[in-house]
Each structure stands twice: as structure tokens, then as C-alpha cells.
All heavy atoms as atom14 arrays in JSON, in Angstrom:
{
  "sequence": "MPGVRLIGEPGQRLSVVSFLVDGAHPNDVGTLLDQQGVAVRSGH",
  "atom14_mask": [
    [1, 1, 1, 1, 1, 1, 1, 1, 0, 0, 0, 0, 0, 0],
    [1, 1, 1, 1, 1, 1, 1, 0, 0, 0, 0, 0, 0, 0],
    [1, 1, 1, 1, 0, 0, 0, 0, 0, 0, 0, 0, 0, 0],
    [1, 1, 1, 1, 1, 1, 1, 0, 0, 0, 0, 0, 0, 0],
    [1, 1, 1, 1, 1, 1, 1, 1, 1, 1, 1, 0, 0, 0],
    [1, 1, 1, 1, 1, 1, 1, 1, 0, 0, 0, 0, 0, 0],
    [1, 1, 1, 1, 1, 1, 1, 1, 0, 0, 0, 0, 0, 0],
    [1, 1, 1, 1, 0, 0, 0, 0, 0, 0, 0, 0, 0, 0],
    [1, 1, 1, 1, 1, 1, 1, 1, 1, 0, 0, 0, 0, 0],
    [1, 1, 1, 1, 1, 1, 1, 0, 0, 0, 0, 0, 0, 0],
    [1, 1, 1, 1, 0, 0, 0, 0, 0, 0, 0, 0, 0, 0],
    [1, 1, 1, 1, 1, 1, 1, 1, 1, 0, 0, 0, 0, 0],
    [1, 1, 1, 1, 1, 1, 1, 1, 1, 1, 1, 0, 0, 0],
    [1, 1, 1, 1, 1, 1, 1, 1, 0, 0, 0, 0, 0, 0],
    [1, 1, 1, 1, 1, 1, 0, 0, 0, 0, 0, 0, 0, 0],
    [1, 1, 1, 1, 1, 1, 1, 0, 0, 0, 0, 0, 0, 0],
    [1, 1, 1, 1, 1, 1, 1, 0, 0, 0, 0, 0, 0, 0],
    [1, 1, 1, 1, 1, 1, 0, 0, 0, 0, 0, 0, 0, 0],
    [1, 1, 1, 1, 1, 1, 1, 1, 1, 1, 1, 0, 0, 0],
    [1, 1, 1, 1, 1, 1, 1, 1, 0, 0, 0, 0, 0, 0],
    [1, 1, 1, 1, 1, 1, 1, 0, 0, 0, 0, 0, 0, 0],
    [1, 1, 1, 1, 1, 1, 1, 1, 0, 0, 0, 0, 0, 0],
    [1, 1, 1, 1, 0, 0, 0, 0, 0, 0, 0, 0, 0, 0],
    [1, 1, 1, 1, 1, 0, 0, 0, 0, 0, 0, 0, 0, 0],
    [1, 1, 1, 1, 1, 1, 1, 1, 1, 1, 0, 0, 0, 0],
    [1, 1, 1, 1, 1, 1, 1, 0, 0, 0, 0, 0, 0, 0],
    [1, 1, 1, 1, 1, 1, 1, 1, 0, 0, 0, 0, 0, 0],
    [1, 1, 1, 1, 1, 1, 1, 1, 0, 0, 0, 0, 0, 0],
    [1, 1, 1, 1, 1, 1, 1, 0, 0, 0, 0, 0, 0, 0],
    [1, 1, 1, 1, 0, 0, 0, 0, 0, 0, 0, 0, 0, 0],
    [1, 1, 1, 1, 1, 1, 1, 0, 0, 0, 0, 0, 0, 0],
    [1, 1, 1, 1, 1, 1, 1, 1, 0, 0, 0, 0, 0, 0],
    [1, 1, 1, 1, 1, 1, 1, 1, 0, 0, 0, 0, 0, 0],
    [1, 1, 1, 1, 1, 1, 1, 1, 0, 0, 0, 0, 0, 0],
    [1, 1, 1, 1, 1, 1, 1, 1, 1, 0, 0, 0, 0, 0],
    [1, 1, 1, 1, 1, 1, 1, 1, 1, 0, 0, 0, 0, 0],
    [1, 1, 1, 1, 0, 0, 0, 0, 0, 0, 0, 0, 0, 0],
    [1, 1, 1, 1, 1, 1, 1, 0, 0, 0, 0, 0, 0, 0],
    [1, 1, 1, 1, 1, 0, 0, 0, 0, 0, 0, 0, 0, 0],
    [1, 1, 1, 1, 1, 1, 1, 0, 0, 0, 0, 0, 0, 0],
    [1, 1, 1, 1, 1, 1, 1, 1, 1, 1, 1, 0, 0, 0],
    [1, 1, 1, 1, 1, 1, 0, 0, 0, 0, 0, 0, 0, 0],
    [1, 1, 1, 1, 0, 0, 0, 0, 0, 0, 0, 0, 0, 0],
    [1, 1, 1, 1, 1, 1, 1, 1, 1, 1, 0, 0, 0, 0]
  ],
  "atom14_positions": [
    [[100.04, 112.79, 106.92], [101.19, 112.68, 106.04], [101.16, 113.79, 104.99], [100.18, 113.91, 104.25], [101.21, 111.3, 105.37], [102.48, 111.0, 104.59], [102.54, 109.27, 103.99], [102.86, 108.4, 105.54], [0.0, 0.0, 0.0], [0.0, 0.0, 0.0], [0.0, 0.0, 0.0], [0.0, 0.0, 0.0], [0.0, 0.0, 0.0], [0.0, 0.0, 0.0]],
    [[102.2, 114.6, 104.9], [102.21, 115.7, 103.92], [102.05, 115.19, 102.49], [102.64, 114.18, 102.1], [103.6, 116.33, 104.12], [104.0, 115.94, 105.5], [103.42, 114.58, 105.72], [0.0, 0.0, 0.0], [0.0, 0.0, 0.0], [0.0, 0.0, 0.0], [0.0, 0.0, 0.0], [0.0, 0.0, 0.0], [0.0, 0.0, 0.0], [0.0, 0.0, 0.0]],
    [[101.23, 115.89, 101.72], [101.05, 115.55, 100.32], [100.11, 114.39, 100.06], [99.92, 114.01, 98.91], [0.0, 0.0, 0.0], [0.0, 0.0, 0.0], [0.0, 0.0, 0.0], [0.0, 0.0, 0.0], [0.0, 0.0, 0.0], [0.0, 0.0, 0.0], [0.0, 0.0, 0.0], [0.0, 0.0, 0.0], [0.0, 0.0, 0.0], [0.0, 0.0, 0.0]],
    [[99.51, 113.84, 101.12], [98.57, 112.73, 100.97], [97.16, 113.23, 101.28], [96.95, 113.91, 102.28], [98.93, 111.55, 101.89], [97.86, 110.46, 101.83], [100.29, 110.97, 101.49], [0.0, 0.0, 0.0], [0.0, 0.0, 0.0], [0.0, 0.0, 0.0], [0.0, 0.0, 0.0], [0.0, 0.0, 0.0], [0.0, 0.0, 0.0], [0.0, 0.0, 0.0]],
    [[96.22, 112.9, 100.42], [94.83, 113.34, 100.6], [93.91, 112.13, 100.68], [93.86, 111.3, 99.76], [94.42, 114.24, 99.43], [92.96, 114.68, 99.46], [92.72, 115.87, 98.52], [93.02, 115.59, 97.15], [92.1, 115.42, 96.19], [90.81, 115.51, 96.49], [92.45, 115.19, 94.95], [0.0, 0.0, 0.0], [0.0, 0.0, 0.0], [0.0, 0.0, 0.0]],
    [[93.21, 112.0, 101.8], [92.23, 110.94, 101.94], [91.04, 111.22, 101.04], [90.6, 112.36, 100.91], [91.75, 110.84, 103.39], [92.72, 110.2, 104.38], [92.21, 110.39, 105.79], [92.89, 108.72, 104.09], [0.0, 0.0, 0.0], [0.0, 0.0, 0.0], [0.0, 0.0, 0.0], [0.0, 0.0, 0.0], [0.0, 0.0, 0.0], [0.0, 0.0, 0.0]],
    [[90.5, 110.16, 100.44], [89.32, 110.28, 99.6], [88.18, 109.53, 100.29], [88.23, 108.31, 100.44], [89.56, 109.7, 98.19], [90.75, 110.38, 97.52], [88.3, 109.83, 97.34], [90.59, 111.88, 97.31], [0.0, 0.0, 0.0], [0.0, 0.0, 0.0], [0.0, 0.0, 0.0], [0.0, 0.0, 0.0], [0.0, 0.0, 0.0], [0.0, 0.0, 0.0]],
    [[87.2, 110.29, 100.72], [86.07, 109.69, 101.42], [86.27, 109.68, 102.93], [87.29, 109.17, 103.41], [0.0, 0.0, 0.0], [0.0, 0.0, 0.0], [0.0, 0.0, 0.0], [0.0, 0.0, 0.0], [0.0, 0.0, 0.0], [0.0, 0.0, 0.0], [0.0, 0.0, 0.0], [0.0, 0.0, 0.0], [0.0, 0.0, 0.0], [0.0, 0.0, 0.0]],
    [[85.31, 110.25, 103.62], [85.3, 110.21, 105.09], [83.9, 109.79, 105.53], [83.19, 110.54, 106.19], [85.65, 111.59, 105.66], [87.06, 112.05, 105.39], [88.05, 111.55, 106.44], [87.65, 110.69, 107.26], [89.18, 112.03, 106.43], [0.0, 0.0, 0.0], [0.0, 0.0, 0.0], [0.0, 0.0, 0.0], [0.0, 0.0, 0.0], [0.0, 0.0, 0.0]],
    [[83.47, 108.56, 105.16], [82.1, 108.14, 105.47], [81.87, 108.02, 106.96], [82.8, 107.8, 107.75], [81.99, 106.78, 104.78], [83.4, 106.28, 104.69], [84.24, 107.5, 104.48], [0.0, 0.0, 0.0], [0.0, 0.0, 0.0], [0.0, 0.0, 0.0], [0.0, 0.0, 0.0], [0.0, 0.0, 0.0], [0.0, 0.0, 0.0], [0.0, 0.0, 0.0]],
    [[80.61, 108.14, 107.35], [80.26, 108.05, 108.76], [80.6, 106.71, 109.36], [81.03, 106.61, 110.51], [0.0, 0.0, 0.0], [0.0, 0.0, 0.0], [0.0, 0.0, 0.0], [0.0, 0.0, 0.0], [0.0, 0.0, 0.0], [0.0, 0.0, 0.0], [0.0, 0.0, 0.0], [0.0, 0.0, 0.0], [0.0, 0.0, 0.0], [0.0, 0.0, 0.0]],
    [[80.39, 105.64, 108.58], [80.78, 104.3, 108.99], [81.62, 103.69, 107.88], [81.19, 103.64, 106.73], [79.55, 103.42, 109.27], [78.81, 103.79, 110.54], [77.75, 102.76, 110.86], [76.75, 102.61, 110.15], [77.94, 102.01, 111.93], [0.0, 0.0, 0.0], [0.0, 0.0, 0.0], [0.0, 0.0, 0.0], [0.0, 0.0, 0.0], [0.0, 0.0, 0.0]],
    [[82.8, 103.21, 108.24], [83.75, 102.7, 107.26], [84.14, 101.27, 107.61], [84.28, 100.92, 108.79], [85.0, 103.58, 107.25], [86.05, 103.19, 106.21], [87.41, 103.78, 106.56], [87.44, 105.21, 106.63], [87.77, 106.02, 105.61], [88.08, 105.5, 104.44], [87.79, 107.32, 105.77], [0.0, 0.0, 0.0], [0.0, 0.0, 0.0], [0.0, 0.0, 0.0]],
    [[84.36, 100.47, 106.57], [84.78, 99.08, 106.76], [85.94, 98.75, 105.84], [85.82, 98.87, 104.62], [83.61, 98.14, 106.47], [83.89, 96.64, 106.65], [84.0, 96.31, 108.14], [82.78, 95.8, 106.03], [0.0, 0.0, 0.0], [0.0, 0.0, 0.0], [0.0, 0.0, 0.0], [0.0, 0.0, 0.0], [0.0, 0.0, 0.0], [0.0, 0.0, 0.0]],
    [[87.06, 98.4, 106.39], [88.2, 97.73, 105.75], [88.99, 98.55, 104.73], [90.17, 98.29, 104.52], [87.77, 96.41, 105.09], [87.12, 96.6, 103.87], [0.0, 0.0, 0.0], [0.0, 0.0, 0.0], [0.0, 0.0, 0.0], [0.0, 0.0, 0.0], [0.0, 0.0, 0.0], [0.0, 0.0, 0.0], [0.0, 0.0, 0.0], [0.0, 0.0, 0.0]],
    [[88.38, 99.54, 104.09], [89.01, 100.22, 102.96], [89.43, 101.64, 103.3], [88.68, 102.38, 103.93], [88.04, 100.26, 101.75], [88.53, 101.22, 100.67], [87.9, 98.86, 101.15], [0.0, 0.0, 0.0], [0.0, 0.0, 0.0], [0.0, 0.0, 0.0], [0.0, 0.0, 0.0], [0.0, 0.0, 0.0], [0.0, 0.0, 0.0], [0.0, 0.0, 0.0]],
    [[90.65, 102.01, 102.86], [91.13, 103.39, 102.96], [91.61, 103.79, 101.57], [92.51, 103.14, 101.0], [92.28, 103.54, 103.97], [92.72, 105.0, 104.06], [91.88, 103.02, 105.34], [0.0, 0.0, 0.0], [0.0, 0.0, 0.0], [0.0, 0.0, 0.0], [0.0, 0.0, 0.0], [0.0, 0.0, 0.0], [0.0, 0.0, 0.0], [0.0, 0.0, 0.0]],
    [[91.03, 104.85, 101.0], [91.42, 105.34, 99.69], [92.09, 106.69, 99.82], [91.66, 107.53, 100.62], [90.19, 105.46, 98.77], [89.82, 104.2, 98.24], [0.0, 0.0, 0.0], [0.0, 0.0, 0.0], [0.0, 0.0, 0.0], [0.0, 0.0, 0.0], [0.0, 0.0, 0.0], [0.0, 0.0, 0.0], [0.0, 0.0, 0.0], [0.0, 0.0, 0.0]],
    [[93.12, 106.92, 99.01], [93.86, 108.18, 99.12], [94.54, 108.51, 97.8], [94.61, 107.68, 96.88], [94.9, 108.1, 100.24], [95.93, 107.02, 100.07], [97.13, 107.26, 99.42], [95.71, 105.74, 100.57], [98.09, 106.26, 99.26], [96.65, 104.72, 100.42], [97.85, 104.99, 99.76], [0.0, 0.0, 0.0], [0.0, 0.0, 0.0], [0.0, 0.0, 0.0]],
    [[95.03, 109.73, 97.71], [95.82, 110.21, 96.58], [97.08, 110.87, 97.1], [97.11, 111.36, 98.24], [95.02, 111.22, 95.75], [93.84, 110.69, 94.94], [93.05, 111.84, 94.33], [94.32, 109.73, 93.86], [0.0, 0.0, 0.0], [0.0, 0.0, 0.0], [0.0, 0.0, 0.0], [0.0, 0.0, 0.0], [0.0, 0.0, 0.0], [0.0, 0.0, 0.0]],
    [[98.11, 110.9, 96.28], [99.33, 111.62, 96.58], [99.4, 112.8, 95.62], [99.26, 112.63, 94.39], [100.57, 110.72, 96.43], [101.85, 111.53, 96.66], [100.5, 109.55, 97.42], [0.0, 0.0, 0.0], [0.0, 0.0, 0.0], [0.0, 0.0, 0.0], [0.0, 0.0, 0.0], [0.0, 0.0, 0.0], [0.0, 0.0, 0.0], [0.0, 0.0, 0.0]],
    [[99.6, 113.99, 96.15], [99.61, 115.2, 95.33], [100.59, 115.08, 94.16], [101.74, 114.66, 94.33], [100.0, 116.42, 96.17], [98.93, 116.81, 97.18], [97.8, 116.3, 97.06], [99.23, 117.61, 98.09], [0.0, 0.0, 0.0], [0.0, 0.0, 0.0], [0.0, 0.0, 0.0], [0.0, 0.0, 0.0], [0.0, 0.0, 0.0], [0.0, 0.0, 0.0]],
    [[100.09, 115.39, 92.97], [100.94, 115.43, 91.79], [101.26, 114.09, 91.18], [102.04, 114.02, 90.24], [0.0, 0.0, 0.0], [0.0, 0.0, 0.0], [0.0, 0.0, 0.0], [0.0, 0.0, 0.0], [0.0, 0.0, 0.0], [0.0, 0.0, 0.0], [0.0, 0.0, 0.0], [0.0, 0.0, 0.0], [0.0, 0.0, 0.0], [0.0, 0.0, 0.0]],
    [[100.66, 113.02, 91.7], [100.98, 111.67, 91.2], [99.72, 110.95, 90.78], [98.66, 111.06, 91.41], [101.69, 110.86, 92.28], [0.0, 0.0, 0.0], [0.0, 0.0, 0.0], [0.0, 0.0, 0.0], [0.0, 0.0, 0.0], [0.0, 0.0, 0.0], [0.0, 0.0, 0.0], [0.0, 0.0, 0.0], [0.0, 0.0, 0.0], [0.0, 0.0, 0.0]],
    [[99.82, 110.18, 89.7], [98.71, 109.34, 89.29], [98.63, 108.14, 90.22], [99.66, 107.6, 90.65], [98.91, 108.86, 87.84], [97.67, 108.26, 87.25], [97.28, 106.96, 87.51], [96.73, 108.78, 86.41], [96.15, 106.71, 86.87], [95.8, 107.79, 86.19], [0.0, 0.0, 0.0], [0.0, 0.0, 0.0], [0.0, 0.0, 0.0], [0.0, 0.0, 0.0]],
    [[97.42, 107.69, 90.56], [97.29, 106.54, 91.47], [98.08, 105.32, 91.02], [98.66, 104.6, 91.85], [95.78, 106.26, 91.47], [95.15, 107.57, 91.12], [96.11, 108.26, 90.21], [0.0, 0.0, 0.0], [0.0, 0.0, 0.0], [0.0, 0.0, 0.0], [0.0, 0.0, 0.0], [0.0, 0.0, 0.0], [0.0, 0.0, 0.0], [0.0, 0.0, 0.0]],
    [[98.12, 105.07, 89.71], [98.84, 103.88, 89.23], [100.34, 103.98, 89.48], [101.01, 102.97, 89.75], [98.57, 103.67, 87.74], [97.15, 103.26, 87.46], [96.43, 102.81, 88.35], [96.71, 103.43, 86.22], [0.0, 0.0, 0.0], [0.0, 0.0, 0.0], [0.0, 0.0, 0.0], [0.0, 0.0, 0.0], [0.0, 0.0, 0.0], [0.0, 0.0, 0.0]],
    [[100.89, 105.18, 89.41], [102.32, 105.36, 89.7], [102.6, 105.07, 91.17], [103.61, 104.43, 91.52], [102.76, 106.78, 89.34], [102.69, 107.06, 87.85], [102.8, 106.09, 87.07], [102.53, 108.23, 87.47], [0.0, 0.0, 0.0], [0.0, 0.0, 0.0], [0.0, 0.0, 0.0], [0.0, 0.0, 0.0], [0.0, 0.0, 0.0], [0.0, 0.0, 0.0]],
    [[101.71, 105.54, 92.03], [101.88, 105.28, 93.47], [101.79, 103.78, 93.74], [102.61, 103.21, 94.47], [100.82, 106.04, 94.29], [100.97, 105.72, 95.78], [100.93, 107.54, 94.06], [0.0, 0.0, 0.0], [0.0, 0.0, 0.0], [0.0, 0.0, 0.0], [0.0, 0.0, 0.0], [0.0, 0.0, 0.0], [0.0, 0.0, 0.0], [0.0, 0.0, 0.0]],
    [[100.79, 103.13, 93.12], [100.64, 101.69, 93.32], [101.86, 100.91, 92.86], [102.28, 99.95, 93.52], [0.0, 0.0, 0.0], [0.0, 0.0, 0.0], [0.0, 0.0, 0.0], [0.0, 0.0, 0.0], [0.0, 0.0, 0.0], [0.0, 0.0, 0.0], [0.0, 0.0, 0.0], [0.0, 0.0, 0.0], [0.0, 0.0, 0.0], [0.0, 0.0, 0.0]],
    [[102.47, 101.33, 91.75], [103.67, 100.66, 91.25], [104.84, 100.83, 92.21], [105.58, 99.86, 92.49], [104.04, 101.22, 89.86], [102.96, 100.96, 88.95], [105.31, 100.57, 89.34], [0.0, 0.0, 0.0], [0.0, 0.0, 0.0], [0.0, 0.0, 0.0], [0.0, 0.0, 0.0], [0.0, 0.0, 0.0], [0.0, 0.0, 0.0], [0.0, 0.0, 0.0]],
    [[105.01, 102.02, 92.74], [106.11, 102.27, 93.68], [105.93, 101.48, 94.97], [106.9, 100.98, 95.55], [106.23, 103.76, 93.97], [106.77, 104.62, 92.81], [106.62, 106.1, 93.13], [108.23, 104.28, 92.52], [0.0, 0.0, 0.0], [0.0, 0.0, 0.0], [0.0, 0.0, 0.0], [0.0, 0.0, 0.0], [0.0, 0.0, 0.0], [0.0, 0.0, 0.0]],
    [[104.71, 101.35, 95.42], [104.45, 100.55, 96.62], [104.72, 99.07, 96.35], [105.3, 98.37, 97.18], [103.01, 100.76, 97.1], [102.65, 102.15, 97.61], [101.19, 102.2, 98.03], [103.54, 102.57, 98.77], [0.0, 0.0, 0.0], [0.0, 0.0, 0.0], [0.0, 0.0, 0.0], [0.0, 0.0, 0.0], [0.0, 0.0, 0.0], [0.0, 0.0, 0.0]],
    [[104.33, 98.61, 95.18], [104.56, 97.21, 94.83], [106.06, 96.89, 94.78], [106.48, 95.8, 95.18], [103.93, 96.92, 93.47], [104.2, 95.49, 93.02], [103.74, 94.55, 93.7], [104.88, 95.32, 91.99], [0.0, 0.0, 0.0], [0.0, 0.0, 0.0], [0.0, 0.0, 0.0], [0.0, 0.0, 0.0], [0.0, 0.0, 0.0], [0.0, 0.0, 0.0]],
    [[106.86, 97.84, 94.3], [108.3, 97.62, 94.25], [108.91, 97.46, 95.64], [110.02, 96.93, 95.77], [108.96, 98.79, 93.51], [108.64, 98.82, 92.02], [109.13, 100.07, 91.33], [109.62, 101.01, 91.97], [108.99, 100.12, 90.0], [0.0, 0.0, 0.0], [0.0, 0.0, 0.0], [0.0, 0.0, 0.0], [0.0, 0.0, 0.0], [0.0, 0.0, 0.0]],
    [[108.17, 97.89, 96.65], [108.63, 97.73, 98.03], [107.89, 96.6, 98.74], [107.94, 96.48, 99.98], [108.45, 99.04, 98.79], [109.23, 100.2, 98.17], [108.91, 101.51, 98.86], [109.36, 101.74, 99.99], [108.15, 102.36, 98.21], [0.0, 0.0, 0.0], [0.0, 0.0, 0.0], [0.0, 0.0, 0.0], [0.0, 0.0, 0.0], [0.0, 0.0, 0.0]],
    [[107.18, 95.76, 97.98], [106.54, 94.58, 98.55], [105.19, 94.83, 99.19], [104.71, 93.98, 99.95], [0.0, 0.0, 0.0], [0.0, 0.0, 0.0], [0.0, 0.0, 0.0], [0.0, 0.0, 0.0], [0.0, 0.0, 0.0], [0.0, 0.0, 0.0], [0.0, 0.0, 0.0], [0.0, 0.0, 0.0], [0.0, 0.0, 0.0], [0.0, 0.0, 0.0]],
    [[104.57, 95.98, 98.88], [103.25, 96.3, 99.45], [102.23, 96.26, 98.32], [102.3, 97.06, 97.38], [103.25, 97.68, 100.12], [101.85, 98.01, 100.64], [104.27, 97.71, 101.26], [0.0, 0.0, 0.0], [0.0, 0.0, 0.0], [0.0, 0.0, 0.0], [0.0, 0.0, 0.0], [0.0, 0.0, 0.0], [0.0, 0.0, 0.0], [0.0, 0.0, 0.0]],
    [[101.28, 95.34, 98.39], [100.28, 95.15, 97.35], [99.02, 95.94, 97.68], [98.33, 95.63, 98.65], [99.95, 93.67, 97.19], [0.0, 0.0, 0.0], [0.0, 0.0, 0.0], [0.0, 0.0, 0.0], [0.0, 0.0, 0.0], [0.0, 0.0, 0.0], [0.0, 0.0, 0.0], [0.0, 0.0, 0.0], [0.0, 0.0, 0.0], [0.0, 0.0, 0.0]],
    [[98.74, 96.99, 96.89], [97.5, 97.74, 97.0], [96.85, 97.76, 95.63], [97.39, 97.27, 94.65], [97.75, 99.18, 97.5], [98.34, 99.18, 98.91], [98.66, 99.94, 96.52], [0.0, 0.0, 0.0], [0.0, 0.0, 0.0], [0.0, 0.0, 0.0], [0.0, 0.0, 0.0], [0.0, 0.0, 0.0], [0.0, 0.0, 0.0], [0.0, 0.0, 0.0]],
    [[95.68, 98.35, 95.53], [94.97, 98.48, 94.25], [94.93, 99.96, 93.89], [94.75, 100.81, 94.75], [93.56, 97.93, 94.4], [92.68, 97.97, 93.17], [93.02, 96.96, 92.11], [93.36, 95.63, 92.56], [93.42, 94.58, 91.76], [93.14, 94.7, 90.46], [93.78, 93.4, 92.23], [0.0, 0.0, 0.0], [0.0, 0.0, 0.0], [0.0, 0.0, 0.0]],
    [[95.11, 100.26, 92.6], [95.02, 101.64, 92.14], [94.14, 101.7, 90.91], [94.08, 100.75, 90.13], [96.41, 102.2, 91.83], [97.06, 101.43, 90.83], [0.0, 0.0, 0.0], [0.0, 0.0, 0.0], [0.0, 0.0, 0.0], [0.0, 0.0, 0.0], [0.0, 0.0, 0.0], [0.0, 0.0, 0.0], [0.0, 0.0, 0.0], [0.0, 0.0, 0.0]],
    [[93.45, 102.83, 90.73], [92.56, 102.99, 89.59], [91.19, 103.43, 90.02], [91.0, 103.97, 91.12], [0.0, 0.0, 0.0], [0.0, 0.0, 0.0], [0.0, 0.0, 0.0], [0.0, 0.0, 0.0], [0.0, 0.0, 0.0], [0.0, 0.0, 0.0], [0.0, 0.0, 0.0], [0.0, 0.0, 0.0], [0.0, 0.0, 0.0], [0.0, 0.0, 0.0]],
    [[90.19, 103.17, 89.16], [88.83, 103.62, 89.48], [88.02, 102.57, 90.22], [86.89, 102.84, 90.63], [88.09, 104.05, 88.21], [88.07, 103.01, 87.12], [87.41, 101.82, 87.24], [88.63, 103.0, 85.88], [87.54, 101.11, 86.13], [88.29, 101.8, 85.28], [0.0, 0.0, 0.0], [0.0, 0.0, 0.0], [0.0, 0.0, 0.0], [0.0, 0.0, 0.0]]
  ]
}
């Protein structure tokens, strides 16, 4: 997906996918997703 950067590419992964959107704070992305009915977590 253009403008999306995955954070972490561990050798073995379980359940979690972390990412960033270029030019956007994670909390802003989380808020926009929530407005569309998708509940994710944003922050540290």
C-alpha cells in the first residue's frame, strides 16, 4: 500500500501488525479508522 510503512519484520510473528502512514501521526490514523468502525490501537 503506497505511503504505508510496516514497523517490525520479526522472524516469527504472532497476531500483531504495526505500521505507520507517511506524514501522519499514529493517533490521527487510529481516529480515522475508528470513524469507519475499525478499532485499532495507536501510540507507543
